[in-house]
């Protein structure tokens, strides 16, 4: 369901975006390392996912970089009066009742669009110890688009974007490269240590998640 750029965005979506961007600027967030400018289609693998404010931070950061972030949502959220609002906010509906799985549906969205920046949390929620969630990787591989790791530092109020990486299919090795980049930003952070160790376990055949 590609966004209809001929339709004026809903009033609610315009108000919400303005509020989000006001929060970004008022709280003094900055971009530490920018996105590569040549990218049109890519998956932003964000970490750590420790707060519900992550959406605000990444919306502000991507606005600064001149792109509109997209996210996946259950198809039932895109019905009735909420449909256009969700689409305007960057939502991509995923219908788990269809024969095509979520990865295939989102890969089809990448194929149908000239530009798409999909933001996905690449590790567990704030209630977990931060292990990998594999969806971001499988979507990027199916869509043949690069993964851009993104780090949100809530203390220093900065967003850092890492180097883009095309998934090779060597899952463990690819995850290790991403984990090592995250640890380069915050070496002693326990959740990033978990990501790196899990990647090493996958390479060693101890874990295939």
N, C-alpha and C. Protein backbone atom coordinates (compact mmCIF):
# COMPACT_ATOMS: atom_id res chain seq x y z
N UNK A 1 0.84 -1.20 0.00
CA UNK A 1 0.00 0.00 0.00
C UNK A 1 0.88 1.26 0.00
N UNK A 2 1.50 1.60 -1.15
CA UNK A 2 2.37 2.76 -1.21
C UNK A 2 1.63 4.05 -0.87
N UNK A 3 2.32 5.00 -0.32
CA UNK A 3 1.74 6.27 0.07
C UNK A 3 1.31 7.05 -1.17
N UNK A 4 0.11 7.63 -1.12
CA UNK A 4 -0.41 8.44 -2.22
C UNK A 4 0.06 9.88 -2.03
N UNK A 5 1.08 10.27 -2.80
CA UNK A 5 1.67 11.59 -2.63
C UNK A 5 0.81 12.70 -3.23
N UNK A 6 -0.26 12.34 -3.94
CA UNK A 6 -1.16 13.34 -4.50
C UNK A 6 -2.19 13.78 -3.47
N UNK A 7 -2.33 13.03 -2.40
CA UNK A 7 -3.28 13.36 -1.34
C UNK A 7 -2.61 14.22 -0.27
N UNK A 8 -3.30 15.25 0.16
CA UNK A 8 -2.77 16.10 1.22
C UNK A 8 -2.75 15.33 2.53
N UNK A 9 -1.65 15.38 3.29
CA UNK A 9 -1.61 14.67 4.57
C UNK A 9 -2.73 15.13 5.50
N UNK A 10 -3.18 14.23 6.33
CA UNK A 10 -4.26 14.56 7.26
C UNK A 10 -3.80 15.63 8.25
N UNK A 11 -4.78 16.38 8.75
CA UNK A 11 -4.48 17.42 9.73
C UNK A 11 -3.84 16.81 10.97
N UNK A 12 -4.37 15.66 11.42
CA UNK A 12 -3.84 15.03 12.62
C UNK A 12 -2.38 14.63 12.43
N UNK A 13 -2.03 14.08 11.27
CA UNK A 13 -0.65 13.66 11.04
C UNK A 13 0.28 14.86 11.01
N UNK A 14 -0.18 15.98 10.45
CA UNK A 14 0.65 17.18 10.42
C UNK A 14 0.88 17.74 11.82
N UNK A 15 -0.17 17.70 12.66
CA UNK A 15 -0.04 18.18 14.03
C UNK A 15 0.91 17.29 14.82
N UNK A 16 0.74 15.98 14.68
CA UNK A 16 1.59 15.03 15.42
C UNK A 16 3.04 15.19 15.02
N UNK A 17 3.30 15.31 13.73
CA UNK A 17 4.69 15.48 13.27
C UNK A 17 5.30 16.76 13.83
N UNK A 18 4.53 17.83 13.86
CA UNK A 18 5.04 19.09 14.40
C UNK A 18 5.37 18.96 15.88
N UNK A 19 4.53 18.25 16.61
CA UNK A 19 4.79 18.03 18.04
C UNK A 19 6.05 17.21 18.23
N UNK A 20 6.19 16.14 17.43
CA UNK A 20 7.37 15.28 17.52
C UNK A 20 8.64 16.08 17.23
N UNK A 21 8.62 16.88 16.17
CA UNK A 21 9.81 17.65 15.81
C UNK A 21 10.10 18.73 16.85
N UNK A 22 9.05 19.31 17.44
CA UNK A 22 9.27 20.30 18.50
C UNK A 22 9.97 19.67 19.69
N UNK A 23 9.55 18.45 20.06
CA UNK A 23 10.20 17.74 21.16
C UNK A 23 11.66 17.48 20.84
N UNK A 24 11.93 17.03 19.60
CA UNK A 24 13.31 16.76 19.16
C UNK A 24 14.19 17.99 19.34
N UNK A 25 13.71 19.15 18.88
CA UNK A 25 14.52 20.37 18.94
C UNK A 25 14.60 20.93 20.36
N UNK A 26 13.49 20.92 21.09
CA UNK A 26 13.48 21.48 22.45
C UNK A 26 14.41 20.69 23.38
N UNK A 27 14.42 19.38 23.21
CA UNK A 27 15.26 18.55 24.08
C UNK A 27 16.72 18.55 23.65
N UNK A 28 17.02 19.18 22.52
CA UNK A 28 18.41 19.37 22.13
C UNK A 28 19.10 18.18 21.50
N UNK A 29 18.34 17.30 20.86
CA UNK A 29 18.96 16.14 20.21
C UNK A 29 19.75 16.57 18.98
N UNK A 30 20.83 15.83 18.70
CA UNK A 30 21.69 16.13 17.55
C UNK A 30 22.05 14.82 16.83
N UNK A 31 22.51 14.97 15.61
CA UNK A 31 23.00 13.82 14.85
C UNK A 31 24.52 13.82 14.91
N UNK A 32 25.08 12.72 15.39
CA UNK A 32 26.52 12.60 15.56
C UNK A 32 27.20 12.19 14.26
N UNK A 33 26.62 11.23 13.55
CA UNK A 33 27.14 10.83 12.25
C UNK A 33 25.96 10.62 11.32
N UNK A 34 25.95 11.29 10.16
CA UNK A 34 24.77 11.33 9.29
C UNK A 34 24.59 10.07 8.44
N UNK A 35 23.42 9.99 7.84
CA UNK A 35 23.14 8.92 6.88
C UNK A 35 23.90 9.18 5.59
N UNK A 36 24.36 8.13 4.92
CA UNK A 36 24.93 8.31 3.58
C UNK A 36 23.87 8.90 2.65
N UNK A 37 24.22 9.92 1.91
CA UNK A 37 23.23 10.67 1.13
C UNK A 37 22.73 9.93 -0.10
N UNK A 38 23.45 8.92 -0.56
CA UNK A 38 23.07 8.26 -1.81
C UNK A 38 21.98 7.22 -1.62
N UNK A 39 21.66 6.87 -0.39
CA UNK A 39 20.72 5.78 -0.14
C UNK A 39 19.27 6.21 -0.40
N UNK A 40 18.52 5.35 -1.08
CA UNK A 40 17.11 5.59 -1.33
C UNK A 40 16.24 4.55 -0.62
N UNK A 41 16.71 3.31 -0.60
CA UNK A 41 15.97 2.23 0.05
C UNK A 41 16.90 1.52 1.03
N UNK A 42 16.47 1.41 2.28
CA UNK A 42 17.32 0.77 3.27
C UNK A 42 16.52 0.49 4.53
N UNK A 43 17.07 -0.38 5.37
CA UNK A 43 16.49 -0.69 6.66
C UNK A 43 17.36 -0.05 7.73
N UNK A 44 16.76 0.77 8.58
CA UNK A 44 17.47 1.35 9.72
C UNK A 44 17.27 0.41 10.91
N UNK A 45 18.35 -0.20 11.36
CA UNK A 45 18.31 -1.12 12.50
C UNK A 45 18.67 -0.35 13.75
N UNK A 46 17.66 0.05 14.51
CA UNK A 46 17.88 0.92 15.66
C UNK A 46 18.09 0.17 16.96
N UNK A 47 18.98 0.68 17.80
CA UNK A 47 19.24 0.12 19.13
C UNK A 47 19.91 1.21 19.98
N UNK A 48 19.79 1.13 21.30
CA UNK A 48 18.97 0.16 22.04
C UNK A 48 17.52 0.60 22.07
N UNK A 49 16.62 -0.38 22.24
CA UNK A 49 15.19 -0.07 22.32
C UNK A 49 14.79 -0.12 23.79
N UNK A 50 15.00 1.00 24.46
CA UNK A 50 14.81 1.04 25.92
C UNK A 50 13.71 2.00 26.35
N UNK A 51 13.08 2.68 25.40
CA UNK A 51 12.06 3.66 25.75
C UNK A 51 11.06 3.82 24.61
N UNK A 52 9.83 4.16 24.95
CA UNK A 52 8.82 4.42 23.93
C UNK A 52 9.07 5.73 23.19
N UNK A 53 10.05 6.52 23.68
CA UNK A 53 10.41 7.76 22.99
C UNK A 53 11.28 7.51 21.76
N UNK A 54 11.70 6.28 21.55
CA UNK A 54 12.57 5.99 20.41
C UNK A 54 11.98 6.47 19.10
N UNK A 55 10.66 6.31 18.92
CA UNK A 55 10.00 6.74 17.68
C UNK A 55 10.18 8.24 17.48
N UNK A 56 10.07 9.00 18.56
CA UNK A 56 10.24 10.46 18.47
C UNK A 56 11.66 10.80 18.04
N UNK A 57 12.64 10.15 18.68
CA UNK A 57 14.04 10.47 18.39
C UNK A 57 14.39 10.15 16.93
N UNK A 58 13.96 8.98 16.46
CA UNK A 58 14.31 8.59 15.10
C UNK A 58 13.52 9.39 14.06
N UNK A 59 12.31 9.82 14.41
CA UNK A 59 11.56 10.69 13.51
C UNK A 59 12.26 12.03 13.36
N UNK A 60 12.73 12.57 14.49
CA UNK A 60 13.47 13.82 14.44
C UNK A 60 14.76 13.71 13.66
N UNK A 61 15.49 12.63 13.90
CA UNK A 61 16.77 12.44 13.22
C UNK A 61 16.60 12.27 11.72
N UNK A 62 15.61 11.48 11.31
CA UNK A 62 15.40 11.26 9.88
C UNK A 62 14.88 12.54 9.21
N UNK A 63 14.10 13.34 9.94
CA UNK A 63 13.68 14.63 9.40
C UNK A 63 14.90 15.51 9.12
N UNK A 64 15.84 15.52 10.06
CA UNK A 64 17.08 16.29 9.87
C UNK A 64 17.84 15.82 8.63
N UNK A 65 17.73 14.53 8.34
CA UNK A 65 18.44 13.96 7.20
C UNK A 65 17.64 14.02 5.90
N UNK A 66 16.45 14.59 5.98
CA UNK A 66 15.65 14.80 4.78
C UNK A 66 14.90 13.59 4.27
N UNK A 67 14.62 12.63 5.17
CA UNK A 67 13.86 11.46 4.75
C UNK A 67 12.67 11.26 5.68
N UNK A 68 11.68 10.51 5.18
CA UNK A 68 10.52 10.17 5.99
C UNK A 68 10.64 8.72 6.44
N UNK A 69 10.68 8.47 7.74
CA UNK A 69 10.83 7.11 8.21
C UNK A 69 9.53 6.31 8.05
N UNK A 70 9.67 5.02 7.85
CA UNK A 70 8.53 4.12 7.75
C UNK A 70 8.63 3.06 8.84
N UNK A 71 7.48 2.51 9.19
CA UNK A 71 7.44 1.46 10.21
C UNK A 71 6.36 0.46 9.86
N UNK A 72 6.46 -0.74 10.38
CA UNK A 72 5.46 -1.77 10.14
C UNK A 72 4.39 -1.72 11.21
N UNK A 73 3.16 -2.02 10.82
CA UNK A 73 2.07 -2.06 11.78
C UNK A 73 1.04 -3.09 11.39
N UNK A 74 0.33 -3.59 12.36
CA UNK A 74 -0.73 -4.56 12.10
C UNK A 74 -1.78 -3.95 11.19
N UNK A 75 -2.26 -4.71 10.22
CA UNK A 75 -3.15 -4.17 9.19
C UNK A 75 -4.44 -3.57 9.76
N UNK A 76 -4.88 -4.06 10.92
CA UNK A 76 -6.12 -3.56 11.51
C UNK A 76 -6.00 -2.11 11.97
N UNK A 77 -4.77 -1.62 12.12
CA UNK A 77 -4.56 -0.23 12.51
C UNK A 77 -4.78 0.73 11.34
N UNK A 78 -4.86 0.17 10.14
CA UNK A 78 -4.98 0.99 8.93
C UNK A 78 -6.39 0.92 8.36
N UNK A 79 -7.37 0.95 9.23
CA UNK A 79 -8.76 0.85 8.81
C UNK A 79 -9.54 2.06 9.28
N UNK A 80 -10.62 2.36 8.56
CA UNK A 80 -11.49 3.46 8.97
C UNK A 80 -10.80 4.80 8.98
N UNK A 81 -11.12 5.60 9.98
CA UNK A 81 -10.60 6.97 10.03
C UNK A 81 -9.10 7.02 10.32
N UNK A 82 -8.53 5.91 10.81
CA UNK A 82 -7.10 5.89 11.13
C UNK A 82 -6.22 5.57 9.93
N UNK A 83 -6.82 5.09 8.84
CA UNK A 83 -6.04 4.61 7.70
C UNK A 83 -5.08 5.67 7.17
N UNK A 84 -5.60 6.82 6.78
CA UNK A 84 -4.74 7.84 6.18
C UNK A 84 -3.74 8.41 7.17
N UNK A 85 -4.16 8.54 8.44
CA UNK A 85 -3.22 9.02 9.46
C UNK A 85 -2.02 8.08 9.59
N UNK A 86 -2.28 6.78 9.67
CA UNK A 86 -1.20 5.81 9.81
C UNK A 86 -0.28 5.81 8.60
N UNK A 87 -0.87 5.92 7.41
CA UNK A 87 -0.06 5.97 6.19
C UNK A 87 0.78 7.25 6.16
N UNK A 88 0.18 8.37 6.56
CA UNK A 88 0.91 9.64 6.55
C UNK A 88 2.07 9.63 7.55
N UNK A 89 1.93 8.88 8.63
CA UNK A 89 3.00 8.79 9.62
C UNK A 89 4.09 7.82 9.21
N UNK A 90 3.90 7.15 8.07
CA UNK A 90 4.93 6.25 7.57
C UNK A 90 4.63 4.79 7.79
N UNK A 91 3.42 4.47 8.21
CA UNK A 91 3.08 3.09 8.49
C UNK A 91 2.97 2.22 7.24
N UNK A 92 3.40 0.98 7.38
CA UNK A 92 3.25 -0.03 6.34
C UNK A 92 2.42 -1.17 6.94
N UNK A 93 1.20 -1.38 6.44
CA UNK A 93 0.35 -2.42 7.03
C UNK A 93 0.85 -3.82 6.68
N UNK A 94 0.86 -4.68 7.68
CA UNK A 94 1.24 -6.08 7.49
C UNK A 94 0.06 -6.95 7.92
N UNK A 95 -0.41 -7.76 6.99
CA UNK A 95 -1.56 -8.63 7.25
C UNK A 95 -1.07 -10.06 7.43
N UNK A 96 -1.06 -10.53 8.64
CA UNK A 96 -0.54 -11.86 8.94
C UNK A 96 -1.49 -12.97 8.53
N UNK A 97 -2.68 -12.61 8.02
CA UNK A 97 -3.61 -13.62 7.53
C UNK A 97 -3.27 -14.04 6.10
N UNK A 98 -2.49 -13.24 5.41
CA UNK A 98 -2.17 -13.52 4.01
C UNK A 98 -1.16 -14.67 3.91
N UNK A 99 -1.16 -15.31 2.73
CA UNK A 99 -0.21 -16.41 2.51
C UNK A 99 1.22 -15.91 2.52
N UNK A 100 1.43 -14.68 2.01
CA UNK A 100 2.77 -14.08 2.05
C UNK A 100 3.05 -13.64 3.48
N UNK A 101 4.22 -14.01 4.01
CA UNK A 101 4.55 -13.62 5.38
C UNK A 101 4.95 -12.15 5.44
N UNK A 102 5.19 -11.67 6.66
CA UNK A 102 5.50 -10.26 6.85
C UNK A 102 6.72 -9.84 6.07
N UNK A 103 7.74 -10.69 6.04
CA UNK A 103 8.96 -10.36 5.30
C UNK A 103 8.66 -10.17 3.83
N UNK A 104 7.88 -11.05 3.24
CA UNK A 104 7.54 -10.96 1.82
C UNK A 104 6.69 -9.72 1.53
N UNK A 105 5.76 -9.42 2.42
CA UNK A 105 4.91 -8.25 2.22
C UNK A 105 5.72 -6.96 2.23
N UNK A 106 6.64 -6.83 3.18
CA UNK A 106 7.44 -5.61 3.27
C UNK A 106 8.44 -5.55 2.12
N UNK A 107 9.00 -6.70 1.72
CA UNK A 107 9.90 -6.72 0.57
C UNK A 107 9.17 -6.25 -0.69
N UNK A 108 7.90 -6.59 -0.81
CA UNK A 108 7.10 -6.14 -1.95
C UNK A 108 6.92 -4.62 -1.91
N UNK A 109 6.79 -4.05 -0.70
CA UNK A 109 6.70 -2.59 -0.57
C UNK A 109 7.98 -1.93 -1.04
N UNK A 110 9.12 -2.51 -0.69
CA UNK A 110 10.40 -1.97 -1.18
C UNK A 110 10.45 -1.98 -2.70
N UNK A 111 9.99 -3.07 -3.30
CA UNK A 111 10.03 -3.20 -4.75
C UNK A 111 9.10 -2.21 -5.44
N UNK A 112 8.01 -1.84 -4.76
CA UNK A 112 7.00 -0.97 -5.36
C UNK A 112 7.33 0.51 -5.23
N UNK A 113 8.30 0.84 -4.40
CA UNK A 113 8.57 2.26 -4.12
C UNK A 113 9.93 2.68 -4.66
N UNK A 114 10.04 3.98 -4.93
CA UNK A 114 11.32 4.54 -5.37
C UNK A 114 12.23 4.82 -4.18
N UNK A 115 11.62 5.04 -3.01
CA UNK A 115 12.41 5.32 -1.81
C UNK A 115 11.65 4.78 -0.60
N UNK A 116 12.38 4.16 0.32
CA UNK A 116 11.75 3.64 1.53
C UNK A 116 12.83 3.45 2.60
N UNK A 117 12.64 4.12 3.72
CA UNK A 117 13.55 3.97 4.87
C UNK A 117 12.75 3.34 6.00
N UNK A 118 12.95 2.06 6.22
CA UNK A 118 12.18 1.30 7.20
C UNK A 118 12.94 1.23 8.52
N UNK A 119 12.35 1.75 9.59
CA UNK A 119 12.98 1.72 10.90
C UNK A 119 12.46 0.52 11.68
N UNK A 120 13.39 -0.32 12.15
CA UNK A 120 13.04 -1.50 12.93
C UNK A 120 13.99 -1.60 14.12
N UNK A 121 13.46 -1.93 15.29
CA UNK A 121 14.31 -2.22 16.44
C UNK A 121 14.97 -3.58 16.19
N UNK A 122 16.28 -3.61 16.22
CA UNK A 122 16.99 -4.85 15.87
C UNK A 122 17.27 -5.72 17.09
N UNK A 123 16.91 -5.24 18.29
CA UNK A 123 17.09 -6.07 19.47
C UNK A 123 15.86 -5.95 20.36
N UNK A 124 15.84 -6.72 21.43
CA UNK A 124 14.66 -6.82 22.27
C UNK A 124 14.22 -5.52 22.89
N UNK A 125 13.02 -5.52 23.44
CA UNK A 125 12.46 -4.33 24.05
C UNK A 125 13.15 -4.02 25.38
N UNK A 126 12.74 -2.92 25.97
CA UNK A 126 13.34 -2.48 27.24
C UNK A 126 13.10 -3.48 28.37
N UNK A 127 12.15 -4.40 28.19
CA UNK A 127 11.84 -5.39 29.23
C UNK A 127 12.70 -6.64 29.10
N UNK A 128 13.55 -6.71 28.07
CA UNK A 128 14.40 -7.87 27.87
C UNK A 128 15.86 -7.49 28.07
N UNK A 129 16.75 -8.47 27.88
CA UNK A 129 18.18 -8.18 28.01
C UNK A 129 18.80 -7.75 26.69
N UNK A 130 17.97 -7.61 25.65
CA UNK A 130 18.45 -7.01 24.41
C UNK A 130 18.95 -7.96 23.35
N UNK A 131 18.47 -9.20 23.29
CA UNK A 131 18.93 -10.12 22.27
C UNK A 131 18.38 -9.74 20.90
N UNK A 132 19.05 -10.25 19.85
CA UNK A 132 18.67 -9.93 18.48
C UNK A 132 17.23 -10.32 18.17
N UNK A 133 16.56 -9.48 17.38
CA UNK A 133 15.30 -9.84 16.72
C UNK A 133 15.63 -9.89 15.23
N UNK A 134 15.39 -11.01 14.60
CA UNK A 134 15.94 -11.25 13.27
C UNK A 134 15.16 -10.61 12.12
N UNK A 135 13.97 -10.05 12.40
CA UNK A 135 13.12 -9.55 11.33
C UNK A 135 13.79 -8.53 10.43
N UNK A 136 14.53 -7.59 11.02
CA UNK A 136 15.17 -6.53 10.23
C UNK A 136 16.12 -7.13 9.19
N UNK A 137 16.83 -8.18 9.60
CA UNK A 137 17.82 -8.80 8.71
C UNK A 137 17.14 -9.51 7.55
N UNK A 138 16.12 -10.29 7.84
CA UNK A 138 15.45 -11.07 6.80
C UNK A 138 14.71 -10.16 5.81
N UNK A 139 14.17 -9.05 6.30
CA UNK A 139 13.52 -8.10 5.40
C UNK A 139 14.54 -7.46 4.47
N UNK A 140 15.66 -7.01 5.02
CA UNK A 140 16.69 -6.38 4.18
C UNK A 140 17.23 -7.35 3.14
N UNK A 141 17.40 -8.60 3.54
CA UNK A 141 17.91 -9.61 2.60
C UNK A 141 16.89 -9.91 1.51
N UNK A 142 15.62 -10.04 1.89
CA UNK A 142 14.58 -10.34 0.90
C UNK A 142 14.40 -9.18 -0.08
N UNK A 143 14.54 -7.96 0.43
CA UNK A 143 14.36 -6.77 -0.42
C UNK A 143 15.64 -6.36 -1.13
N UNK A 144 16.76 -7.02 -0.77
CA UNK A 144 18.07 -6.70 -1.35
C UNK A 144 18.43 -5.22 -1.14
N UNK A 145 18.26 -4.78 0.10
CA UNK A 145 18.60 -3.41 0.46
C UNK A 145 19.58 -3.43 1.63
N UNK A 146 20.36 -2.37 1.80
CA UNK A 146 21.34 -2.35 2.90
C UNK A 146 20.70 -2.12 4.26
N UNK A 147 21.41 -2.57 5.27
CA UNK A 147 21.06 -2.30 6.67
C UNK A 147 21.94 -1.15 7.16
N UNK A 148 21.31 -0.16 7.77
CA UNK A 148 22.05 0.95 8.37
C UNK A 148 21.83 0.91 9.88
N UNK A 149 22.84 0.54 10.66
CA UNK A 149 22.67 0.55 12.12
C UNK A 149 22.54 1.98 12.63
N UNK A 150 21.70 2.15 13.64
CA UNK A 150 21.49 3.49 14.21
C UNK A 150 21.46 3.38 15.72
N UNK A 151 22.22 4.25 16.36
CA UNK A 151 22.38 4.22 17.81
C UNK A 151 21.80 5.48 18.43
N UNK A 152 20.94 5.30 19.44
CA UNK A 152 20.36 6.44 20.16
C UNK A 152 20.97 6.51 21.55
N UNK A 153 21.66 7.60 21.84
CA UNK A 153 22.27 7.81 23.14
C UNK A 153 21.41 8.78 23.93
N UNK A 154 20.65 8.24 24.91
CA UNK A 154 19.71 9.06 25.66
C UNK A 154 20.39 9.99 26.65
N UNK A 155 21.64 9.71 26.99
CA UNK A 155 22.36 10.56 27.93
C UNK A 155 22.92 11.79 27.21
N UNK A 156 23.62 11.54 26.11
CA UNK A 156 24.21 12.65 25.35
C UNK A 156 23.26 13.26 24.34
N UNK A 157 22.09 12.62 24.13
CA UNK A 157 21.06 13.10 23.20
C UNK A 157 21.60 13.21 21.78
N UNK A 158 22.16 12.09 21.33
CA UNK A 158 22.66 12.05 19.97
C UNK A 158 22.16 10.79 19.26
N UNK A 159 22.02 10.89 17.95
CA UNK A 159 21.74 9.75 17.08
C UNK A 159 22.92 9.57 16.16
N UNK A 160 23.40 8.34 16.06
CA UNK A 160 24.51 8.02 15.16
C UNK A 160 24.05 6.99 14.15
N UNK A 161 24.32 7.25 12.87
CA UNK A 161 24.04 6.28 11.82
C UNK A 161 25.35 5.64 11.38
N UNK A 162 25.33 4.32 11.26
CA UNK A 162 26.53 3.59 10.88
C UNK A 162 26.64 3.36 9.39
N UNK A 163 27.70 2.68 8.96
CA UNK A 163 27.89 2.41 7.53
C UNK A 163 26.88 1.39 7.02
N UNK A 164 26.33 1.59 5.82
CA UNK A 164 25.38 0.63 5.27
C UNK A 164 26.05 -0.70 4.96
N UNK A 165 25.29 -1.78 5.17
CA UNK A 165 25.82 -3.12 4.93
C UNK A 165 24.77 -3.96 4.22
N UNK A 166 25.12 -4.50 3.06
CA UNK A 166 24.23 -5.42 2.36
C UNK A 166 24.33 -6.80 3.02
N UNK A 167 23.22 -7.39 3.44
CA UNK A 167 23.28 -8.73 4.05
C UNK A 167 23.86 -9.74 3.07
N UNK A 168 24.81 -10.52 3.56
CA UNK A 168 25.48 -11.50 2.70
C UNK A 168 24.82 -12.86 2.73
N UNK A 169 23.95 -13.08 3.73
CA UNK A 169 23.40 -14.41 3.94
C UNK A 169 24.15 -15.16 5.02
N UNK A 170 25.34 -14.68 5.36
CA UNK A 170 26.10 -15.24 6.48
C UNK A 170 25.62 -14.52 7.74
N UNK A 171 24.54 -15.03 8.28
CA UNK A 171 23.79 -14.35 9.33
C UNK A 171 24.65 -13.97 10.53
N UNK A 172 25.35 -14.93 11.09
CA UNK A 172 26.15 -14.66 12.27
C UNK A 172 27.23 -13.63 12.04
N UNK A 173 27.95 -13.75 10.93
CA UNK A 173 29.03 -12.81 10.63
C UNK A 173 28.48 -11.40 10.41
N UNK A 174 27.35 -11.31 9.73
CA UNK A 174 26.76 -9.99 9.49
C UNK A 174 26.31 -9.35 10.80
N UNK A 175 25.68 -10.15 11.66
CA UNK A 175 25.25 -9.63 12.95
C UNK A 175 26.43 -9.18 13.80
N UNK A 176 27.52 -9.92 13.72
CA UNK A 176 28.70 -9.56 14.50
C UNK A 176 29.24 -8.19 14.06
N UNK A 177 29.25 -7.92 12.75
CA UNK A 177 29.72 -6.62 12.27
C UNK A 177 28.85 -5.49 12.83
N UNK A 178 27.54 -5.72 12.82
CA UNK A 178 26.62 -4.71 13.35
C UNK A 178 26.82 -4.53 14.85
N UNK A 179 26.95 -5.65 15.57
CA UNK A 179 27.14 -5.60 17.01
C UNK A 179 28.44 -4.88 17.37
N UNK A 180 29.48 -5.13 16.62
CA UNK A 180 30.76 -4.48 16.89
C UNK A 180 30.66 -2.98 16.65
N UNK A 181 29.86 -2.57 15.67
CA UNK A 181 29.67 -1.13 15.46
C UNK A 181 28.95 -0.52 16.65
N UNK A 182 27.89 -1.18 17.13
CA UNK A 182 27.18 -0.67 18.30
C UNK A 182 28.12 -0.56 19.50
N UNK A 183 28.95 -1.57 19.71
CA UNK A 183 29.86 -1.54 20.85
C UNK A 183 30.92 -0.46 20.70
N UNK A 184 31.26 -0.10 19.47
CA UNK A 184 32.22 0.98 19.26
C UNK A 184 31.65 2.32 19.73
N UNK A 185 30.32 2.41 19.75
CA UNK A 185 29.68 3.65 20.21
C UNK A 185 29.55 3.68 21.72
N UNK A 186 29.35 2.49 22.34
CA UNK A 186 29.18 2.42 23.79
C UNK A 186 29.73 1.07 24.26
N UNK A 187 31.04 0.95 24.41
CA UNK A 187 31.70 -0.34 24.63
C UNK A 187 31.23 -1.12 25.85
N UNK A 188 30.91 -0.45 26.94
CA UNK A 188 30.60 -1.14 28.18
C UNK A 188 29.10 -1.35 28.41
N UNK A 189 28.30 -1.04 27.42
CA UNK A 189 26.85 -1.16 27.57
C UNK A 189 26.46 -2.64 27.52
N UNK A 190 25.78 -3.13 28.56
CA UNK A 190 25.50 -4.55 28.69
C UNK A 190 24.65 -5.10 27.55
N UNK A 191 23.67 -4.35 27.11
CA UNK A 191 22.80 -4.85 26.03
C UNK A 191 23.58 -5.07 24.74
N UNK A 192 24.56 -4.23 24.48
CA UNK A 192 25.37 -4.41 23.28
C UNK A 192 26.33 -5.59 23.43
N UNK A 193 26.76 -5.85 24.65
CA UNK A 193 27.57 -7.05 24.89
C UNK A 193 26.75 -8.30 24.59
N UNK A 194 25.47 -8.26 24.95
CA UNK A 194 24.57 -9.40 24.67
C UNK A 194 24.45 -9.62 23.18
N UNK A 195 24.30 -8.54 22.41
CA UNK A 195 24.21 -8.66 20.96
C UNK A 195 25.46 -9.29 20.37
N UNK A 196 26.61 -8.84 20.82
CA UNK A 196 27.86 -9.37 20.28
C UNK A 196 28.03 -10.84 20.64
N UNK A 197 27.74 -11.21 21.88
CA UNK A 197 27.91 -12.60 22.30
C UNK A 197 26.94 -13.51 21.55
N UNK A 198 25.71 -13.06 21.34
CA UNK A 198 24.75 -13.88 20.62
C UNK A 198 25.21 -14.10 19.18
N UNK A 199 25.76 -13.06 18.56
CA UNK A 199 26.27 -13.20 17.20
C UNK A 199 27.41 -14.22 17.16
N UNK A 200 28.29 -14.16 18.15
CA UNK A 200 29.41 -15.12 18.20
C UNK A 200 28.89 -16.54 18.43
N UNK A 201 27.82 -16.67 19.22
CA UNK A 201 27.23 -17.97 19.45
C UNK A 201 26.61 -18.54 18.18
N UNK A 202 26.02 -17.67 17.38
CA UNK A 202 25.44 -18.10 16.10
C UNK A 202 26.55 -18.62 15.18
N UNK A 203 27.64 -17.88 15.13
CA UNK A 203 28.78 -18.29 14.29
C UNK A 203 29.32 -19.63 14.75
N UNK A 204 29.33 -19.86 16.07
CA UNK A 204 29.86 -21.10 16.63
C UNK A 204 28.84 -22.25 16.57
N UNK A 205 27.63 -21.96 16.07
CA UNK A 205 26.60 -23.00 15.97
C UNK A 205 25.86 -23.26 17.25
N UNK A 206 25.99 -22.36 18.21
CA UNK A 206 25.32 -22.55 19.51
C UNK A 206 23.93 -21.94 19.54
N UNK A 207 23.63 -21.09 18.58
CA UNK A 207 22.37 -20.36 18.56
C UNK A 207 22.05 -20.01 17.11
N UNK A 208 20.81 -20.25 16.67
CA UNK A 208 20.46 -19.94 15.29
C UNK A 208 19.35 -18.90 15.19
N UNK A 209 19.06 -18.18 16.28
CA UNK A 209 18.00 -17.19 16.28
C UNK A 209 18.43 -15.95 15.52
